[in-house]
Amino acid sequence: MSLPLQQIAPDFCVAPQLDPAAMAEAAAAGFKSVVNNRPDGEGGPGQPLSADVEAAARAAGLEYRYLPVNGAYQSPEEIEAMRALIDSLPKPILAFCRSGARSTKLFLQAMA
């Protein structure tokens, strides 16, 4: 598998939904942290649970944070929480959601 990455900033990339197996690949690619912006269950029973992705991320030596946000609206509190993660997590950071668009939008709002 090859990670479907889009670089948004020098130390920040986004991807569509990742599964637990992708965490070892993310670590091998040099990422230090992963942020999951997709709420559990949003994609139905086929979507991996955050807890399963987190376990795989930690096993691969990655920091992992779960910041689920709605695809259509991110609150000021969620934007600020993303900013705090960007500021505090080891870089580079890989964030994901359903398509990558929500994580991109959240990053851009957090950095504005």
PDB file of N, CA and C in Angstrom:
ATOM      1  N   MET A   1       0.851  -1.187   0.000  1.00  0.00           N
ATOM      2  CA  MET A   1       0.000   0.000   0.000  1.00  0.00           C
ATOM      3  C   MET A   1       0.882   1.230   0.000  1.00  0.00           C
ATOM      4  N   SER A   2       0.484   2.239  -0.702  1.00  0.00           N
ATOM      5  CA  SER A   2       1.183   3.511  -0.705  1.00  0.00           C
ATOM      6  C   SER A   2       0.242   4.564  -0.137  1.00  0.00           C
ATOM      7  N   LEU A   3       0.744   5.327   0.819  1.00  0.00           N
ATOM      8  CA  LEU A   3      -0.102   6.336   1.451  1.00  0.00           C
ATOM      9  C   LEU A   3      -0.529   7.394   0.433  1.00  0.00           C
ATOM     10  N   PRO A   4      -1.825   7.695   0.354  1.00  0.00           N
ATOM     11  CA  PRO A   4      -2.327   8.711  -0.575  1.00  0.00           C
ATOM     12  C   PRO A   4      -2.221  10.106   0.057  1.00  0.00           C
ATOM     13  N   LEU A   5      -1.019  10.654   0.087  1.00  0.00           N
ATOM     14  CA  LEU A   5      -0.750  11.890   0.809  1.00  0.00           C
ATOM     15  C   LEU A   5      -0.905  13.134  -0.045  1.00  0.00           C
ATOM     16  N   GLN A   6      -1.312  14.205   0.626  1.00  0.00           N
ATOM     17  CA  GLN A   6      -1.278  15.531   0.031  1.00  0.00           C
ATOM     18  C   GLN A   6      -0.560  16.428   1.027  1.00  0.00           C
ATOM     19  N   GLN A   7       0.535  17.034   0.594  1.00  0.00           N
ATOM     20  CA  GLN A   7       1.290  17.920   1.484  1.00  0.00           C
ATOM     21  C   GLN A   7       0.633  19.293   1.506  1.00  0.00           C
ATOM     22  N   ILE A   8       0.335  19.772   2.730  1.00  0.00           N
ATOM     23  CA  ILE A   8      -0.329  21.057   2.916  1.00  0.00           C
ATOM     24  C   ILE A   8       0.670  22.110   3.380  1.00  0.00           C
ATOM     25  N   ALA A   9       1.661  21.681   4.141  1.00  0.00           N
ATOM     26  CA  ALA A   9       2.726  22.536   4.662  1.00  0.00           C
ATOM     27  C   ALA A   9       3.973  21.669   4.768  1.00  0.00           C
ATOM     28  N   PRO A  10       5.132  22.266   4.980  1.00  0.00           N
ATOM     29  CA  PRO A  10       6.358  21.462   5.031  1.00  0.00           C
ATOM     30  C   PRO A  10       6.314  20.308   6.035  1.00  0.00           C
ATOM     31  N   ASP A  11       5.593  20.485   7.130  1.00  0.00           N
ATOM     32  CA  ASP A  11       5.550  19.453   8.172  1.00  0.00           C
ATOM     33  C   ASP A  11       4.134  18.944   8.457  1.00  0.00           C
ATOM     34  N   PHE A  12       3.238  19.078   7.449  1.00  0.00           N
ATOM     35  CA  PHE A  12       1.845  18.670   7.641  1.00  0.00           C
ATOM     36  C   PHE A  12       1.281  18.131   6.337  1.00  0.00           C
ATOM     37  N   CYS A  13       0.807  16.877   6.388  1.00  0.00           N
ATOM     38  CA  CYS A  13       0.167  16.241   5.231  1.00  0.00           C
ATOM     39  C   CYS A  13      -1.214  15.738   5.632  1.00  0.00           C
ATOM     40  N   VAL A  14      -2.063  15.564   4.640  1.00  0.00           N
ATOM     41  CA  VAL A  14      -3.391  14.988   4.869  1.00  0.00           C
ATOM     42  C   VAL A  14      -3.563  13.778   3.967  1.00  0.00           C
ATOM     43  N   ALA A  15      -4.523  12.948   4.366  1.00  0.00           N
ATOM     44  CA  ALA A  15      -4.841  11.742   3.606  1.00  0.00           C
ATOM     45  C   ALA A  15      -6.316  11.421   3.795  1.00  0.00           C
ATOM     46  N   PRO A  16      -6.880  10.645   2.866  1.00  0.00           N
ATOM     47  CA  PRO A  16      -8.219  10.115   3.104  1.00  0.00           C
ATOM     48  C   PRO A  16      -8.147   9.017   4.164  1.00  0.00           C
ATOM     49  N   GLN A  17      -9.291   8.468   4.516  1.00  0.00           N
ATOM     50  CA  GLN A  17      -9.389   7.449   5.571  1.00  0.00           C
ATOM     51  C   GLN A  17      -8.220   6.475   5.538  1.00  0.00           C
ATOM     52  N   LEU A  18      -7.558   6.341   6.674  1.00  0.00           N
ATOM     53  CA  LEU A  18      -6.469   5.379   6.812  1.00  0.00           C
ATOM     54  C   LEU A  18      -6.910   4.247   7.719  1.00  0.00           C
ATOM     55  N   ASP A  19      -6.362   3.065   7.475  1.00  0.00           N
ATOM     56  CA  ASP A  19      -6.692   1.933   8.331  1.00  0.00           C
ATOM     57  C   ASP A  19      -5.500   1.640   9.243  1.00  0.00           C
ATOM     58  N   PRO A  20      -5.683   0.753  10.201  1.00  0.00           N
ATOM     59  CA  PRO A  20      -4.587   0.469  11.134  1.00  0.00           C
ATOM     60  C   PRO A  20      -3.288   0.046  10.435  1.00  0.00           C
ATOM     61  N   ALA A  21      -3.379  -0.700   9.353  1.00  0.00           N
ATOM     62  CA  ALA A  21      -2.181  -1.161   8.649  1.00  0.00           C
ATOM     63  C   ALA A  21      -1.358  -0.001   8.085  1.00  0.00           C
ATOM     64  N   ALA A  22      -1.988   1.122   7.824  1.00  0.00           N
ATOM     65  CA  ALA A  22      -1.282   2.280   7.264  1.00  0.00           C
ATOM     66  C   ALA A  22      -0.384   2.968   8.280  1.00  0.00           C
ATOM     67  N   MET A  23      -0.548   2.672   9.564  1.00  0.00           N
ATOM     68  CA  MET A  23       0.236   3.359  10.591  1.00  0.00           C
ATOM     69  C   MET A  23       1.715   2.992  10.514  1.00  0.00           C
ATOM     70  N   ALA A  24       2.026   1.741  10.260  1.00  0.00           N
ATOM     71  CA  ALA A  24       3.433   1.342  10.110  1.00  0.00           C
ATOM     72  C   ALA A  24       4.049   2.023   8.893  1.00  0.00           C
ATOM     73  N   GLU A  25       3.278   2.145   7.827  1.00  0.00           N
ATOM     74  CA  GLU A  25       3.758   2.825   6.625  1.00  0.00           C
ATOM     75  C   GLU A  25       3.983   4.314   6.894  1.00  0.00           C
ATOM     76  N   ALA A  26       3.090   4.930   7.675  1.00  0.00           N
ATOM     77  CA  ALA A  26       3.251   6.340   8.027  1.00  0.00           C
ATOM     78  C   ALA A  26       4.538   6.547   8.836  1.00  0.00           C
ATOM     79  N   ALA A  27       4.787   5.655   9.769  1.00  0.00           N
ATOM     80  CA  ALA A  27       6.010   5.753  10.571  1.00  0.00           C
ATOM     81  C   ALA A  27       7.239   5.564   9.685  1.00  0.00           C
ATOM     82  N   ALA A  28       7.177   4.602   8.770  1.00  0.00           N
ATOM     83  CA  ALA A  28       8.302   4.349   7.865  1.00  0.00           C
ATOM     84  C   ALA A  28       8.546   5.537   6.937  1.00  0.00           C
ATOM     85  N   ALA A  29       7.493   6.275   6.632  1.00  0.00           N
ATOM     86  CA  ALA A  29       7.609   7.464   5.776  1.00  0.00           C
ATOM     87  C   ALA A  29       8.161   8.668   6.539  1.00  0.00           C
ATOM     88  N   GLY A  30       8.348   8.525   7.855  1.00  0.00           N
ATOM     89  CA  GLY A  30       8.950   9.601   8.636  1.00  0.00           C
ATOM     90  C   GLY A  30       8.000  10.419   9.481  1.00  0.00           C
ATOM     91  N   PHE A  31       6.707  10.105   9.422  1.00  0.00           N
ATOM     92  CA  PHE A  31       5.772  10.856  10.262  1.00  0.00           C
ATOM     93  C   PHE A  31       6.009  10.534  11.728  1.00  0.00           C
ATOM     94  N   LYS A  32       5.780  11.522  12.576  1.00  0.00           N
ATOM     95  CA  LYS A  32       5.928  11.363  14.022  1.00  0.00           C
ATOM     96  C   LYS A  32       4.586  11.343  14.724  1.00  0.00           C
ATOM     97  N   SER A  33       3.552  11.940  14.083  1.00  0.00           N
ATOM     98  CA  SER A  33       2.233  12.068  14.707  1.00  0.00           C
ATOM     99  C   SER A  33       1.132  11.875  13.681  1.00  0.00           C
ATOM    100  N   VAL A  34      -0.019  11.367  14.170  1.00  0.00           N
ATOM    101  CA  VAL A  34      -1.211  11.183  13.337  1.00  0.00           C
ATOM    102  C   VAL A  34      -2.397  11.793  14.068  1.00  0.00           C
ATOM    103  N   VAL A  35      -3.215  12.551  13.318  1.00  0.00           N
ATOM    104  CA  VAL A  35      -4.445  13.133  13.858  1.00  0.00           C
ATOM    105  C   VAL A  35      -5.614  12.609  13.031  1.00  0.00           C
ATOM    106  N   ASN A  36      -6.580  12.006  13.711  1.00  0.00           N
ATOM    107  CA  ASN A  36      -7.786  11.483  13.068  1.00  0.00           C
ATOM    108  C   ASN A  36      -8.909  12.500  13.266  1.00  0.00           C
ATOM    109  N   ASN A  37      -9.386  13.079  12.167  1.00  0.00           N
ATOM    110  CA  ASN A  37     -10.462  14.064  12.220  1.00  0.00           C
ATOM    111  C   ASN A  37     -11.825  13.489  11.841  1.00  0.00           C
ATOM    112  N   ARG A  38     -11.918  12.185  11.658  1.00  0.00           N
ATOM    113  CA  ARG A  38     -13.187  11.575  11.235  1.00  0.00           C
ATOM    114  C   ARG A  38     -13.896  10.906  12.410  1.00  0.00           C
ATOM    115  N   PRO A  39     -15.137  11.295  12.669  1.00  0.00           N
ATOM    116  CA  PRO A  39     -15.878  10.653  13.761  1.00  0.00           C
ATOM    117  C   PRO A  39     -16.074   9.158  13.507  1.00  0.00           C
ATOM    118  N   ASP A  40     -15.935   8.366  14.551  1.00  0.00           N
ATOM    119  CA  ASP A  40     -16.207   6.930  14.452  1.00  0.00           C
ATOM    120  C   ASP A  40     -17.629   6.711  13.948  1.00  0.00           C
ATOM    121  N   GLY A  41     -17.797   5.748  13.056  1.00  0.00           N
ATOM    122  CA  GLY A  41     -19.122   5.379  12.571  1.00  0.00           C
ATOM    123  C   GLY A  41     -19.652   6.229  11.444  1.00  0.00           C
ATOM    124  N   GLU A  42     -18.969   7.291  11.094  1.00  0.00           N
ATOM    125  CA  GLU A  42     -19.448   8.179  10.040  1.00  0.00           C
ATOM    126  C   GLU A  42     -19.602   7.432   8.711  1.00  0.00           C
ATOM    127  N   GLY A  43     -18.692   6.500   8.445  1.00  0.00           N
ATOM    128  CA  GLY A  43     -18.710   5.773   7.182  1.00  0.00           C
ATOM    129  C   GLY A  43     -19.362   4.410   7.276  1.00  0.00           C
ATOM    130  N   GLY A  44     -20.044   4.129   8.388  1.00  0.00           N
ATOM    131  CA  GLY A  44     -20.683   2.841   8.556  1.00  0.00           C
ATOM    132  C   GLY A  44     -19.739   1.821   9.165  1.00  0.00           C
ATOM    133  N   PRO A  45     -20.168   0.566   9.202  1.00  0.00           N
ATOM    134  CA  PRO A  45     -19.402  -0.465   9.900  1.00  0.00           C
ATOM    135  C   PRO A  45     -18.068  -0.807   9.243  1.00  0.00           C
ATOM    136  N   GLY A  46     -17.846  -0.415   8.004  1.00  0.00           N
ATOM    137  CA  GLY A  46     -16.583  -0.707   7.339  1.00  0.00           C
ATOM    138  C   GLY A  46     -15.455   0.235   7.712  1.00  0.00           C
ATOM    139  N   GLN A  47     -15.791   1.332   8.366  1.00  0.00           N
ATOM    140  CA  GLN A  47     -14.781   2.315   8.751  1.00  0.00           C
ATOM    141  C   GLN A  47     -14.025   1.831   9.992  1.00  0.00           C
ATOM    142  N   PRO A  48     -12.700   1.878   9.980  1.00  0.00           N
ATOM    143  CA  PRO A  48     -11.958   1.462  11.173  1.00  0.00           C
ATOM    144  C   PRO A  48     -12.259   2.379  12.358  1.00  0.00           C
ATOM    145  N   LEU A  49     -12.298   1.807  13.537  1.00  0.00           N
ATOM    146  CA  LEU A  49     -12.509   2.597  14.750  1.00  0.00           C
ATOM    147  C   LEU A  49     -11.235   3.318  15.134  1.00  0.00           C
ATOM    148  N   SER A  50     -11.397   4.497  15.702  1.00  0.00           N
ATOM    149  CA  SER A  50     -10.248   5.276  16.143  1.00  0.00           C
ATOM    150  C   SER A  50      -9.371   4.480  17.096  1.00  0.00           C
ATOM    151  N   ALA A  51      -9.964   3.733  18.006  1.00  0.00           N
ATOM    152  CA  ALA A  51      -9.180   2.961  18.975  1.00  0.00           C
ATOM    153  C   ALA A  51      -8.273   1.947  18.286  1.00  0.00           C
ATOM    154  N   ASP A  52      -8.737   1.352  17.190  1.00  0.00           N
ATOM    155  CA  ASP A  52      -7.925   0.386  16.458  1.00  0.00           C
ATOM    156  C   ASP A  52      -6.776   1.076  15.716  1.00  0.00           C
ATOM    157  N   VAL A  53      -7.066   2.242  15.135  1.00  0.00           N
ATOM    158  CA  VAL A  53      -6.021   3.001  14.452  1.00  0.00           C
ATOM    159  C   VAL A  53      -5.009   3.506  15.479  1.00  0.00           C
ATOM    160  N   GLU A  54      -5.500   3.948  16.627  1.00  0.00           N
ATOM    161  CA  GLU A  54      -4.600   4.429  17.683  1.00  0.00           C
ATOM    162  C   GLU A  54      -3.661   3.329  18.162  1.00  0.00           C
ATOM    163  N   ALA A  55      -4.183   2.139  18.384  1.00  0.00           N
ATOM    164  CA  ALA A  55      -3.342   1.026  18.842  1.00  0.00           C
ATOM    165  C   ALA A  55      -2.235   0.736  17.830  1.00  0.00           C
ATOM    166  N   ALA A  56      -2.582   0.743  16.553  1.00  0.00           N
ATOM    167  CA  ALA A  56      -1.586   0.493  15.511  1.00  0.00           C
ATOM    168  C   ALA A  56      -0.580   1.641  15.424  1.00  0.00           C
ATOM    169  N   ALA A  57      -1.061   2.872  15.586  1.00  0.00           N
ATOM    170  CA  ALA A  57      -0.158   4.032  15.544  1.00  0.00           C
ATOM    171  C   ALA A  57       0.846   3.961  16.688  1.00  0.00           C
ATOM    172  N   ARG A  58       0.371   3.697  17.873  1.00  0.00           N
ATOM    173  CA  ARG A  58       1.264   3.620  19.038  1.00  0.00           C
ATOM    174  C   ARG A  58       2.249   2.455  18.895  1.00  0.00           C
ATOM    175  N   ALA A  59       1.791   1.337  18.351  1.00  0.00           N
ATOM    176  CA  ALA A  59       2.677   0.194  18.120  1.00  0.00           C
ATOM    177  C   ALA A  59       3.779   0.547  17.114  1.00  0.00           C
ATOM    178  N   ALA A  60       3.479   1.470  16.205  1.00  0.00           N
ATOM    179  CA  ALA A  60       4.457   1.905  15.203  1.00  0.00           C
ATOM    180  C   ALA A  60       5.336   3.042  15.721  1.00  0.00           C
ATOM    181  N   GLY A  61       5.107   3.476  16.964  1.00  0.00           N
ATOM    182  CA  GLY A  61       5.918   4.540  17.550  1.00  0.00           C
ATOM    183  C   GLY A  61       5.424   5.945  17.254  1.00  0.00           C
ATOM    184  N   LEU A  62       4.180   6.062  16.813  1.00  0.00           N
ATOM    185  CA  LEU A  62       3.604   7.365  16.477  1.00  0.00           C
ATOM    186  C   LEU A  62       2.789   7.937  17.638  1.00  0.00           C
ATOM    187  N   GLU A  63       2.793   9.250  17.748  1.00  0.00           N
ATOM    188  CA  GLU A  63       1.815   9.931  18.599  1.00  0.00           C
ATOM    189  C   GLU A  63       0.493   9.899  17.835  1.00  0.00           C
ATOM    190  N   TYR A  64      -0.621   9.818  18.557  1.00  0.00           N
ATOM    191  CA  TYR A  64      -1.930   9.732  17.913  1.00  0.00           C
ATOM    192  C   TYR A  64      -2.915  10.585  18.695  1.00  0.00           C
ATOM    193  N   ARG A  65      -3.703  11.366  17.980  1.00  0.00           N
ATOM    194  CA  ARG A  65      -4.759  12.145  18.610  1.00  0.00           C
ATOM    195  C   ARG A  65      -6.033  11.993  17.785  1.00  0.00           C
ATOM    196  N   TYR A  66      -7.141  11.938  18.510  1.00  0.00           N
ATOM    197  CA  TYR A  66      -8.469  11.815  17.896  1.00  0.00           C
ATOM    198  C   TYR A  66      -9.202  13.123  18.111  1.00  0.00           C
ATOM    199  N   LEU A  67      -9.409  13.871  17.023  1.00  0.00           N
ATOM    200  CA  LEU A  67     -10.148  15.129  17.062  1.00  0.00           C
ATOM    201  C   LEU A  67     -11.227  15.056  15.983  1.00  0.00           C
ATOM    202  N   PRO A  68     -12.333  14.340  16.284  1.00  0.00           N
ATOM    203  CA  PRO A  68     -13.389  14.188  15.282  1.00  0.00           C
ATOM    204  C   PRO A  68     -14.167  15.487  15.097  1.00  0.00           C
ATOM    205  N   VAL A  69     -14.361  15.861  13.837  1.00  0.00           N
ATOM    206  CA  VAL A  69     -15.122  17.074  13.527  1.00  0.00           C
ATOM    207  C   VAL A  69     -16.094  16.794  12.392  1.00  0.00           C
ATOM    208  N   ASN A  70     -17.155  17.550  12.347  1.00  0.00           N
ATOM    209  CA  ASN A  70     -18.149  17.464  11.295  1.00  0.00           C
ATOM    210  C   ASN A  70     -17.536  17.941   9.982  1.00  0.00           C
ATOM    211  N   GLY A  71     -17.891  17.295   8.900  1.00  0.00           N
ATOM    212  CA  GLY A  71     -17.354  17.679   7.603  1.00  0.00           C
ATOM    213  C   GLY A  71     -17.813  19.039   7.124  1.00  0.00           C
ATOM    214  N   ALA A  72     -18.992  19.466   7.530  1.00  0.00           N
ATOM    215  CA  ALA A  72     -19.555  20.716   7.037  1.00  0.00           C
ATOM    216  C   ALA A  72     -19.219  21.919   7.915  1.00  0.00           C
ATOM    217  N   TYR A  73     -18.905  21.682   9.195  1.00  0.00           N
ATOM    218  CA  TYR A  73     -18.687  22.806  10.103  1.00  0.00           C
ATOM    219  C   TYR A  73     -17.692  22.423  11.181  1.00  0.00           C
ATOM    220  N   GLN A  74     -16.713  23.281  11.388  1.00  0.00           N
ATOM    221  CA  GLN A  74     -15.772  23.119  12.487  1.00  0.00           C
ATOM    222  C   GLN A  74     -15.934  24.331  13.400  1.00  0.00           C
ATOM    223  N   SER A  75     -16.193  24.061  14.669  1.00  0.00           N
ATOM    224  CA  SER A  75     -16.427  25.138  15.629  1.00  0.00           C
ATOM    225  C   SER A  75     -15.121  25.857  15.963  1.00  0.00           C
ATOM    226  N   PRO A  76     -15.209  27.066  16.492  1.00  0.00           N
ATOM    227  CA  PRO A  76     -13.998  27.764  16.937  1.00  0.00           C
ATOM    228  C   PRO A  76     -13.201  26.937  17.951  1.00  0.00           C
ATOM    229  N   GLU A  77     -13.895  26.190  18.801  1.00  0.00           N
ATOM    230  CA  GLU A  77     -13.211  25.351  19.793  1.00  0.00           C
ATOM    231  C   GLU A  77     -12.441  24.211  19.121  1.00  0.00           C
ATOM    232  N   GLU A  78     -13.048  23.613  18.086  1.00  0.00           N
ATOM    233  CA  GLU A  78     -12.368  22.540  17.355  1.00  0.00           C
ATOM    234  C   GLU A  78     -11.157  23.078  16.585  1.00  0.00           C
ATOM    235  N   ILE A  79     -11.320  24.249  16.009  1.00  0.00           N
ATOM    236  CA  ILE A  79     -10.207  24.885  15.293  1.00  0.00           C
ATOM    237  C   ILE A  79      -9.062  25.176  16.261  1.00  0.00           C
ATOM    238  N   GLU A  80      -9.391  25.691  17.429  1.00  0.00           N
ATOM    239  CA  GLU A  80      -8.366  25.971  18.440  1.00  0.00           C
ATOM    240  C   GLU A  80      -7.715  24.676  18.934  1.00  0.00           C
ATOM    241  N   ALA A  81      -8.496  23.622  19.082  1.00  0.00           N
ATOM    242  CA  ALA A  81      -7.937  22.337  19.496  1.00  0.00           C
ATOM    243  C   ALA A  81      -6.963  21.817  18.439  1.00  0.00           C
ATOM    244  N   MET A  82      -7.295  22.002  17.161  1.00  0.00           N
ATOM    245  CA  MET A  82      -6.388  21.586  16.098  1.00  0.00           C
ATOM    246  C   MET A  82      -5.112  22.410  16.150  1.00  0.00           C
ATOM    247  N   ARG A  83      -5.241  23.685  16.384  1.00  0.00           N
ATOM    248  CA  ARG A  83      -4.053  24.544  16.484  1.00  0.00           C
ATOM    249  C   ARG A  83      -3.144  24.070  17.619  1.00  0.00           C
ATOM    250  N   ALA A  84      -3.743  23.721  18.747  1.00  0.00           N
ATOM    251  CA  ALA A  84      -2.960  23.230  19.886  1.00  0.00           C
ATOM    252  C   ALA A  84      -2.234  21.935  19.521  1.00  0.00           C
ATOM    253  N   LEU A  85      -2.896  21.051  18.769  1.00  0.00           N
ATOM    254  CA  LEU A  85      -2.243  19.816  18.340  1.00  0.00           C
ATOM    255  C   LEU A  85      -1.085  20.116  17.389  1.00  0.00           C
ATOM    256  N   ILE A  86      -1.303  21.001  16.444  1.00  0.00           N
ATOM    257  CA  ILE A  86      -0.251  21.365  15.488  1.00  0.00           C
ATOM    258  C   ILE A  86       0.954  21.935  16.234  1.00  0.00           C
ATOM    259  N   ASP A  87       0.686  22.756  17.226  1.00  0.00           N
ATOM    260  CA  ASP A  87       1.763  23.393  17.986  1.00  0.00           C
ATOM    261  C   ASP A  87       2.510  22.417  18.893  1.00  0.00           C
ATOM    262  N   SER A  88       1.825  21.381  19.378  1.00  0.00           N
ATOM    263  CA  SER A  88       2.421  20.544  20.420  1.00  0.00           C
ATOM    264  C   SER A  88       2.913  19.174  19.959  1.00  0.00           C
ATOM    265  N   LEU A  89       2.350  18.630  18.900  1.00  0.00           N
ATOM    266  CA  LEU A  89       2.735  17.279  18.473  1.00  0.00           C
ATOM    267  C   LEU A  89       4.080  17.275  17.753  1.00  0.00           C
ATOM    268  N   PRO A  90       4.813  16.171  17.882  1.00  0.00           N
ATOM    269  CA  PRO A  90       6.047  16.031  17.097  1.00  0.00           C
ATOM    270  C   PRO A  90       5.712  16.041  15.603  1.00  0.00           C
ATOM    271  N   LYS A  91       6.584  16.657  14.840  1.00  0.00           N
ATOM    272  CA  LYS A  91       6.370  16.785  13.399  1.00  0.00           C
ATOM    273  C   LYS A  91       7.354  15.906  12.644  1.00  0.00           C
ATOM    274  N   PRO A  92       6.996  15.523  11.447  1.00  0.00           N
ATOM    275  CA  PRO A  92       5.815  15.902  10.677  1.00  0.00           C
ATOM    276  C   PRO A  92       4.544  15.183  11.138  1.00  0.00           C
ATOM    277  N   ILE A  93       3.418  15.842  10.848  1.00  0.00           N
ATOM    278  CA  ILE A  93       2.093  15.365  11.248  1.00  0.00           C
ATOM    279  C   ILE A  93       1.335  14.907  10.010  1.00  0.00           C
ATOM    280  N   LEU A  94       0.623  13.797  10.159  1.00  0.00           N
ATOM    281  CA  LEU A  94      -0.281  13.288   9.129  1.00  0.00           C
ATOM    282  C   LEU A  94      -1.688  13.303   9.710  1.00  0.00           C
ATOM    283  N   ALA A  95      -2.598  14.067   9.083  1.00  0.00           N
ATOM    284  CA  ALA A  95      -3.995  14.115   9.522  1.00  0.00           C
ATOM    285  C   ALA A  95      -4.857  13.447   8.460  1.00  0.00           C
ATOM    286  N   PHE A  96      -5.939  12.819   8.915  1.00  0.00           N
ATOM    287  CA  PHE A  96      -6.835  12.189   7.942  1.00  0.00           C
ATOM    288  C   PHE A  96      -8.284  12.331   8.351  1.00  0.00           C
ATOM    289  N   CYS A  97      -9.144  12.194   7.331  1.00  0.00           N
ATOM    290  CA  CYS A  97     -10.602  12.195   7.505  1.00  0.00           C
ATOM    291  C   CYS A  97     -11.154  11.313   6.384  1.00  0.00           C
ATOM    292  N   ARG A  98     -12.356  11.559   5.917  1.00  0.00           N
ATOM    293  CA  ARG A  98     -12.906  10.715   4.854  1.00  0.00           C
ATOM    294  C   ARG A  98     -12.132  10.892   3.554  1.00  0.00           C
ATOM    295  N   SER A  99     -11.930  12.148   3.144  1.00  0.00           N
ATOM    296  CA  SER A  99     -11.271  12.413   1.858  1.00  0.00           C
ATOM    297  C   SER A  99      -9.965  13.193   1.985  1.00  0.00           C
ATOM    298  N   GLY A 100      -9.733  13.787   3.138  1.00  0.00           N
ATOM    299  CA  GLY A 100      -8.593  14.677   3.332  1.00  0.00           C
ATOM    300  C   GLY A 100      -9.000  16.138   3.316  1.00  0.00           C
ATOM    301  N   ALA A 101     -10.168  16.445   2.764  1.00  0.00           N
ATOM    302  CA  ALA A 101     -10.611  17.841   2.646  1.00  0.00           C
ATOM    303  C   ALA A 101     -10.895  18.478   4.008  1.00  0.00           C
ATOM    304  N   ARG A 102     -11.536  17.756   4.888  1.00  0.00           N
ATOM    305  CA  ARG A 102     -11.872  18.280   6.212  1.00  0.00           C
ATOM    306  C   ARG A 102     -10.608  18.584   7.010  1.00  0.00           C
ATOM    307  N   SER A 103      -9.636  17.676   6.956  1.00  0.00           N
ATOM    308  CA  SER A 103      -8.374  17.900   7.662  1.00  0.00           C
ATOM    309  C   SER A 103      -7.631  19.098   7.080  1.00  0.00           C
ATOM    310  N   THR A 104      -7.689  19.253   5.755  1.00  0.00           N
ATOM    311  CA  THR A 104      -7.070  20.408   5.111  1.00  0.00           C
ATOM    312  C   THR A 104      -7.726  21.694   5.581  1.00  0.00           C
ATOM    313  N   LYS A 105      -9.053  21.722   5.546  1.00  0.00           N
ATOM    314  CA  LYS A 105      -9.798  22.913   5.961  1.00  0.00           C
ATOM    315  C   LYS A 105      -9.519  23.245   7.423  1.00  0.00           C
ATOM    316  N   LEU A 106      -9.481  22.243   8.256  1.00  0.00           N
ATOM    317  CA  LEU A 106      -9.218  22.454   9.681  1.00  0.00           C
ATOM    318  C   LEU A 106      -7.809  23.011   9.881  1.00  0.00           C
ATOM    319  N   PHE A 107      -6.832  22.478   9.173  1.00  0.00           N
ATOM    320  CA  PHE A 107      -5.454  22.996   9.257  1.00  0.00           C
ATOM    321  C   PHE A 107      -5.411  24.456   8.841  1.00  0.00           C
ATOM    322  N   LEU A 108      -6.014  24.777   7.688  1.00  0.00           N
ATOM    323  CA  LEU A 108      -5.959  26.149   7.180  1.00  0.00           C
ATOM    324  C   LEU A 108      -6.641  27.125   8.144  1.00  0.00           C
ATOM    325  N   GLN A 109      -7.763  26.716   8.736  1.00  0.00           N
ATOM    326  CA  GLN A 109      -8.429  27.584   9.692  1.00  0.00           C
ATOM    327  C   GLN A 109      -7.598  27.737  10.969  1.00  0.00           C
ATOM    328  N   ALA A 110      -6.957  26.663  11.398  1.00  0.00           N
ATOM    329  CA  ALA A 110      -6.143  26.708  12.613  1.00  0.00           C
ATOM    330  C   ALA A 110      -4.928  27.605  12.438  1.00  0.00           C
ATOM    331  N   MET A 111      -4.405  27.677  11.225  1.00  0.00           N
ATOM    332  CA  MET A 111      -3.205  28.461  10.977  1.00  0.00           C
ATOM    333  C   MET A 111      -3.501  29.897  10.569  1.00  0.00           C
ATOM    334  N   ALA A 112      -4.781  30.213  10.342  1.00  0.00           N
ATOM    335  CA  ALA A 112      -5.166  31.566   9.899  1.00  0.00           C
ATOM    336  C   ALA A 112      -4.960  32.592  10.991  1.00  0.00           C
TER     337      ALA A 112
END
